[in-house]
Amino acid sequence: MKIEKIERYLEEDSIFFIDIEGSEFNLLNIVILSKLSNNVIVIEIYNWIDNFEDKYIKLLRDANEFFTIEIIESLNRPIHSRKELDHFHEDNKFLLLSEGRPNRMRHLKLSPRI
């Protein structure tokens, strides 16, 4: 993505939610992170892409230059609080509420360093 396109929409104290199916590692390079450094960024991390370990470590190193990094682990889905699912077996409840991902999702919250 061209930096000029991002700069058009930047405002201080904005929150960016990034969920781009693994392309977060391509988008969030050191230049883009520096431009976004006054904003909060929440990123959904896809860890089943090629070369994940290297890309993830690089993202963490680059982000650490400008942000405080918090890992947000996914919570278990509340299958028993959904009354409309009461007549399903527990395994089927989990299947119905599943997003079909190969593993549990992880999110990062990047907060500007003060």
N, C-alpha and C. Protein backbone atom coordinates (compact mmCIF):
# COMPACT_ATOMS: atom_id res chain seq x y z
N MET A 1 0.85 -1.18 0.00
CA MET A 1 0.00 0.00 0.00
C MET A 1 0.89 1.23 0.00
N LYS A 2 0.51 2.22 -0.76
CA LYS A 2 1.30 3.44 -0.82
C LYS A 2 1.06 4.27 0.43
N ILE A 3 2.15 4.83 0.96
CA ILE A 3 2.07 5.60 2.19
C ILE A 3 1.17 6.81 2.03
N GLU A 4 1.08 7.38 0.85
CA GLU A 4 0.24 8.55 0.63
C GLU A 4 -1.23 8.22 0.88
N LYS A 5 -1.65 7.01 0.56
CA LYS A 5 -3.04 6.61 0.79
C LYS A 5 -3.34 6.54 2.28
N ILE A 6 -2.40 6.05 3.06
CA ILE A 6 -2.60 5.96 4.50
C ILE A 6 -2.57 7.35 5.12
N GLU A 7 -1.64 8.19 4.70
CA GLU A 7 -1.50 9.52 5.29
C GLU A 7 -2.77 10.35 5.12
N ARG A 8 -3.52 10.12 4.06
CA ARG A 8 -4.77 10.87 3.85
C ARG A 8 -5.76 10.65 4.98
N TYR A 9 -5.73 9.48 5.61
CA TYR A 9 -6.72 9.12 6.62
C TYR A 9 -6.21 9.19 8.05
N LEU A 10 -4.95 9.55 8.21
CA LEU A 10 -4.37 9.57 9.55
C LEU A 10 -4.87 10.74 10.37
N GLU A 11 -5.22 10.45 11.58
CA GLU A 11 -5.51 11.46 12.58
C GLU A 11 -4.93 10.93 13.87
N GLU A 12 -4.44 11.84 14.69
CA GLU A 12 -3.94 11.38 15.99
C GLU A 12 -5.08 10.81 16.80
N ASP A 13 -4.77 9.86 17.65
CA ASP A 13 -5.74 9.22 18.52
C ASP A 13 -6.78 8.40 17.76
N SER A 14 -6.40 7.86 16.64
CA SER A 14 -7.28 6.95 15.91
C SER A 14 -6.98 5.53 16.32
N ILE A 15 -7.91 4.63 16.03
CA ILE A 15 -7.70 3.20 16.25
C ILE A 15 -7.82 2.52 14.90
N PHE A 16 -6.83 1.72 14.56
CA PHE A 16 -6.84 0.96 13.32
C PHE A 16 -7.02 -0.51 13.65
N PHE A 17 -7.98 -1.15 13.01
CA PHE A 17 -8.18 -2.59 13.13
C PHE A 17 -7.72 -3.22 11.83
N ILE A 18 -6.77 -4.13 11.92
CA ILE A 18 -6.19 -4.74 10.72
C ILE A 18 -6.49 -6.24 10.75
N ASP A 19 -7.26 -6.65 9.78
CA ASP A 19 -7.64 -8.06 9.62
C ASP A 19 -7.58 -8.34 8.12
N ILE A 20 -6.39 -8.65 7.64
CA ILE A 20 -6.20 -8.78 6.19
C ILE A 20 -5.57 -10.11 5.81
N GLU A 21 -6.01 -11.16 6.53
CA GLU A 21 -5.74 -12.55 6.14
C GLU A 21 -4.27 -12.88 5.93
N GLY A 22 -3.40 -12.38 6.78
CA GLY A 22 -1.98 -12.70 6.68
C GLY A 22 -1.16 -11.64 5.98
N SER A 23 -1.80 -10.71 5.30
CA SER A 23 -1.06 -9.64 4.61
C SER A 23 -0.61 -8.54 5.55
N GLU A 24 -0.96 -8.67 6.85
CA GLU A 24 -0.50 -7.68 7.82
C GLU A 24 1.03 -7.60 7.85
N PHE A 25 1.68 -8.71 7.56
CA PHE A 25 3.15 -8.72 7.58
C PHE A 25 3.73 -7.97 6.40
N ASN A 26 3.00 -7.89 5.30
CA ASN A 26 3.44 -7.12 4.14
C ASN A 26 3.15 -5.63 4.33
N LEU A 27 2.01 -5.32 4.90
CA LEU A 27 1.59 -3.93 5.07
C LEU A 27 2.40 -3.21 6.14
N LEU A 28 2.59 -3.83 7.28
CA LEU A 28 3.13 -3.14 8.45
C LEU A 28 4.65 -3.19 8.50
N ASN A 29 5.25 -2.49 7.58
CA ASN A 29 6.71 -2.38 7.59
C ASN A 29 7.10 -1.20 8.49
N ILE A 30 8.38 -0.98 8.66
CA ILE A 30 8.88 0.04 9.57
C ILE A 30 8.39 1.44 9.19
N VAL A 31 8.25 1.73 7.89
CA VAL A 31 7.80 3.05 7.43
C VAL A 31 6.33 3.26 7.80
N ILE A 32 5.51 2.28 7.53
CA ILE A 32 4.08 2.40 7.84
C ILE A 32 3.87 2.49 9.35
N LEU A 33 4.59 1.65 10.10
CA LEU A 33 4.46 1.69 11.56
C LEU A 33 4.86 3.05 12.12
N SER A 34 5.89 3.65 11.57
CA SER A 34 6.30 4.98 12.05
C SER A 34 5.22 6.02 11.76
N LYS A 35 4.57 5.91 10.60
CA LYS A 35 3.48 6.84 10.25
C LYS A 35 2.27 6.66 11.15
N LEU A 36 2.05 5.45 11.64
CA LEU A 36 0.90 5.15 12.49
C LEU A 36 1.22 5.25 13.98
N SER A 37 2.40 5.68 14.32
CA SER A 37 2.90 5.57 15.69
C SER A 37 2.15 6.40 16.73
N ASN A 38 1.29 7.32 16.31
CA ASN A 38 0.47 8.08 17.27
C ASN A 38 -0.91 7.47 17.46
N ASN A 39 -1.12 6.30 16.91
CA ASN A 39 -2.43 5.66 16.92
C ASN A 39 -2.35 4.29 17.58
N VAL A 40 -3.50 3.79 17.99
CA VAL A 40 -3.60 2.42 18.49
C VAL A 40 -3.89 1.52 17.30
N ILE A 41 -3.24 0.37 17.25
CA ILE A 41 -3.45 -0.58 16.16
C ILE A 41 -3.78 -1.93 16.79
N VAL A 42 -4.86 -2.53 16.34
CA VAL A 42 -5.20 -3.89 16.75
C VAL A 42 -5.09 -4.76 15.51
N ILE A 43 -4.30 -5.82 15.60
CA ILE A 43 -3.99 -6.65 14.44
C ILE A 43 -4.41 -8.09 14.71
N GLU A 44 -5.16 -8.67 13.80
CA GLU A 44 -5.43 -10.10 13.88
C GLU A 44 -4.26 -10.80 13.18
N ILE A 45 -3.60 -11.68 13.91
CA ILE A 45 -2.39 -12.34 13.41
C ILE A 45 -2.75 -13.72 12.86
N TYR A 46 -2.37 -13.95 11.62
CA TYR A 46 -2.56 -15.26 10.98
C TYR A 46 -1.24 -16.01 11.06
N ASN A 47 -1.22 -17.07 11.86
CA ASN A 47 0.05 -17.76 12.07
C ASN A 47 0.18 -19.05 11.26
N TRP A 48 -0.65 -19.24 10.27
CA TRP A 48 -0.51 -20.43 9.43
C TRP A 48 -0.10 -20.06 8.01
N ILE A 49 0.65 -18.97 7.91
CA ILE A 49 1.18 -18.55 6.61
C ILE A 49 2.63 -18.99 6.49
N ASP A 50 3.14 -18.99 5.27
CA ASP A 50 4.54 -19.36 5.04
C ASP A 50 5.48 -18.41 5.78
N ASN A 51 6.54 -18.96 6.34
CA ASN A 51 7.57 -18.20 7.05
C ASN A 51 7.01 -17.36 8.19
N PHE A 52 5.99 -17.88 8.86
CA PHE A 52 5.34 -17.11 9.93
C PHE A 52 6.32 -16.64 10.99
N GLU A 53 7.15 -17.54 11.49
CA GLU A 53 8.05 -17.19 12.60
C GLU A 53 8.91 -15.97 12.26
N ASP A 54 9.52 -15.98 11.09
CA ASP A 54 10.38 -14.87 10.68
C ASP A 54 9.58 -13.57 10.53
N LYS A 55 8.43 -13.66 9.90
CA LYS A 55 7.60 -12.48 9.67
C LYS A 55 7.08 -11.91 11.00
N TYR A 56 6.68 -12.79 11.90
CA TYR A 56 6.14 -12.35 13.18
C TYR A 56 7.23 -11.68 14.02
N ILE A 57 8.41 -12.26 14.07
CA ILE A 57 9.51 -11.67 14.83
C ILE A 57 9.87 -10.31 14.27
N LYS A 58 9.91 -10.20 12.95
CA LYS A 58 10.22 -8.90 12.32
C LYS A 58 9.15 -7.87 12.67
N LEU A 59 7.88 -8.25 12.60
CA LEU A 59 6.81 -7.32 12.95
C LEU A 59 6.95 -6.87 14.40
N LEU A 60 7.21 -7.79 15.30
CA LEU A 60 7.37 -7.43 16.71
C LEU A 60 8.55 -6.49 16.92
N ARG A 61 9.67 -6.77 16.27
CA ARG A 61 10.85 -5.89 16.40
C ARG A 61 10.56 -4.49 15.87
N ASP A 62 9.96 -4.43 14.68
CA ASP A 62 9.66 -3.13 14.08
C ASP A 62 8.64 -2.36 14.92
N ALA A 63 7.59 -3.04 15.36
CA ALA A 63 6.55 -2.38 16.16
C ALA A 63 7.10 -1.90 17.49
N ASN A 64 8.03 -2.63 18.06
CA ASN A 64 8.61 -2.27 19.35
C ASN A 64 9.34 -0.93 19.30
N GLU A 65 9.74 -0.49 18.12
CA GLU A 65 10.40 0.81 17.97
C GLU A 65 9.46 1.96 18.34
N PHE A 66 8.15 1.77 18.13
CA PHE A 66 7.20 2.86 18.26
C PHE A 66 6.06 2.59 19.25
N PHE A 67 5.84 1.33 19.60
CA PHE A 67 4.65 0.95 20.33
C PHE A 67 4.97 0.08 21.55
N THR A 68 4.05 0.10 22.49
CA THR A 68 3.99 -0.91 23.54
C THR A 68 3.12 -2.02 22.97
N ILE A 69 3.58 -3.26 23.06
CA ILE A 69 2.89 -4.38 22.42
C ILE A 69 2.21 -5.24 23.47
N GLU A 70 0.95 -5.50 23.25
CA GLU A 70 0.18 -6.38 24.14
C GLU A 70 -0.39 -7.51 23.29
N ILE A 71 -0.20 -8.74 23.74
CA ILE A 71 -0.77 -9.89 23.06
C ILE A 71 -2.15 -10.15 23.66
N ILE A 72 -3.15 -10.22 22.81
CA ILE A 72 -4.51 -10.48 23.25
C ILE A 72 -4.86 -11.89 22.79
N GLU A 73 -4.99 -12.80 23.72
CA GLU A 73 -5.33 -14.18 23.38
C GLU A 73 -6.84 -14.29 23.17
N SER A 74 -7.24 -15.14 22.28
CA SER A 74 -8.66 -15.37 22.03
C SER A 74 -9.30 -16.06 23.24
N LEU A 75 -10.53 -15.73 23.47
CA LEU A 75 -11.28 -16.35 24.55
C LEU A 75 -12.08 -17.53 24.02
N ASN A 76 -12.44 -18.42 24.91
CA ASN A 76 -13.33 -19.51 24.52
C ASN A 76 -14.70 -18.96 24.20
N ARG A 77 -15.35 -19.55 23.24
CA ARG A 77 -16.69 -19.10 22.85
C ARG A 77 -17.72 -19.62 23.86
N PRO A 78 -18.65 -18.76 24.24
CA PRO A 78 -19.63 -19.13 25.26
C PRO A 78 -20.78 -19.97 24.69
N ILE A 79 -20.52 -21.23 24.47
CA ILE A 79 -21.53 -22.06 23.80
C ILE A 79 -22.77 -22.31 24.65
N HIS A 80 -22.65 -22.23 25.96
CA HIS A 80 -23.79 -22.54 26.82
C HIS A 80 -24.69 -21.33 27.06
N SER A 81 -24.27 -20.16 26.65
CA SER A 81 -25.09 -18.98 26.85
C SER A 81 -26.02 -18.71 25.66
N ARG A 82 -25.94 -19.52 24.66
CA ARG A 82 -26.76 -19.35 23.45
C ARG A 82 -27.98 -20.27 23.52
N LYS A 83 -29.10 -19.75 23.99
CA LYS A 83 -30.32 -20.55 24.18
C LYS A 83 -30.79 -21.22 22.89
N GLU A 84 -30.58 -20.56 21.77
CA GLU A 84 -31.03 -21.14 20.49
C GLU A 84 -30.26 -22.40 20.12
N LEU A 85 -29.17 -22.69 20.82
CA LEU A 85 -28.37 -23.89 20.55
C LEU A 85 -28.60 -25.00 21.58
N ASP A 86 -29.54 -24.79 22.48
CA ASP A 86 -29.77 -25.76 23.57
C ASP A 86 -30.05 -27.18 23.08
N HIS A 87 -30.69 -27.34 21.95
CA HIS A 87 -31.06 -28.68 21.48
C HIS A 87 -29.95 -29.38 20.70
N PHE A 88 -28.78 -28.73 20.55
CA PHE A 88 -27.64 -29.34 19.86
C PHE A 88 -26.71 -30.00 20.87
N HIS A 89 -26.01 -31.05 20.43
CA HIS A 89 -24.95 -31.64 21.24
C HIS A 89 -23.80 -30.65 21.35
N GLU A 90 -22.99 -30.79 22.40
CA GLU A 90 -21.90 -29.84 22.64
C GLU A 90 -20.93 -29.75 21.46
N ASP A 91 -20.53 -30.87 20.88
CA ASP A 91 -19.62 -30.85 19.73
C ASP A 91 -20.21 -30.04 18.58
N ASN A 92 -21.51 -30.21 18.35
CA ASN A 92 -22.16 -29.46 17.26
C ASN A 92 -22.24 -27.97 17.58
N LYS A 93 -22.40 -27.62 18.85
CA LYS A 93 -22.40 -26.20 19.23
C LYS A 93 -21.06 -25.56 18.87
N PHE A 94 -19.97 -26.27 19.20
CA PHE A 94 -18.65 -25.75 18.86
C PHE A 94 -18.49 -25.60 17.35
N LEU A 95 -18.96 -26.56 16.60
CA LEU A 95 -18.88 -26.49 15.14
C LEU A 95 -19.67 -25.31 14.59
N LEU A 96 -20.86 -25.10 15.12
CA LEU A 96 -21.70 -24.00 14.66
C LEU A 96 -21.07 -22.64 14.94
N LEU A 97 -20.36 -22.52 16.05
CA LEU A 97 -19.76 -21.24 16.42
C LEU A 97 -18.33 -21.08 15.91
N SER A 98 -17.82 -22.10 15.26
CA SER A 98 -16.45 -22.08 14.76
C SER A 98 -16.34 -21.22 13.51
N GLU A 99 -15.20 -20.59 13.35
CA GLU A 99 -14.90 -19.86 12.12
C GLU A 99 -14.09 -20.74 11.16
N GLY A 100 -13.85 -21.99 11.55
CA GLY A 100 -13.13 -22.91 10.68
C GLY A 100 -11.65 -22.63 10.57
N ARG A 101 -11.09 -22.00 11.55
CA ARG A 101 -9.66 -21.66 11.51
C ARG A 101 -8.84 -22.88 11.94
N PRO A 102 -7.62 -23.00 11.44
CA PRO A 102 -6.80 -24.16 11.80
C PRO A 102 -6.30 -24.14 13.24
N ASN A 103 -6.36 -22.98 13.89
CA ASN A 103 -5.98 -22.89 15.30
C ASN A 103 -6.57 -21.62 15.90
N ARG A 104 -6.34 -21.42 17.18
CA ARG A 104 -6.88 -20.27 17.89
C ARG A 104 -6.21 -18.99 17.40
N MET A 105 -7.00 -17.96 17.20
CA MET A 105 -6.47 -16.69 16.70
C MET A 105 -5.76 -15.92 17.81
N ARG A 106 -4.82 -15.11 17.40
CA ARG A 106 -4.08 -14.23 18.29
C ARG A 106 -4.22 -12.81 17.75
N HIS A 107 -4.28 -11.87 18.64
CA HIS A 107 -4.35 -10.46 18.25
C HIS A 107 -3.26 -9.69 18.98
N LEU A 108 -2.77 -8.66 18.34
CA LEU A 108 -1.82 -7.75 18.97
C LEU A 108 -2.49 -6.39 19.12
N LYS A 109 -2.23 -5.75 20.22
CA LYS A 109 -2.64 -4.36 20.41
C LYS A 109 -1.37 -3.55 20.53
N LEU A 110 -1.19 -2.61 19.62
CA LEU A 110 -0.03 -1.72 19.62
C LEU A 110 -0.50 -0.35 20.12
N SER A 111 0.08 0.09 21.21
CA SER A 111 -0.27 1.39 21.79
C SER A 111 0.93 2.31 21.67
N PRO A 112 0.71 3.58 21.34
CA PRO A 112 1.83 4.51 21.19
C PRO A 112 2.67 4.59 22.45
N ARG A 113 3.97 4.66 22.26
CA ARG A 113 4.87 4.88 23.41
C ARG A 113 4.72 6.34 23.82
N ILE A 114 4.69 6.57 25.10
CA ILE A 114 4.51 7.95 25.60
C ILE A 114 5.84 8.54 25.95
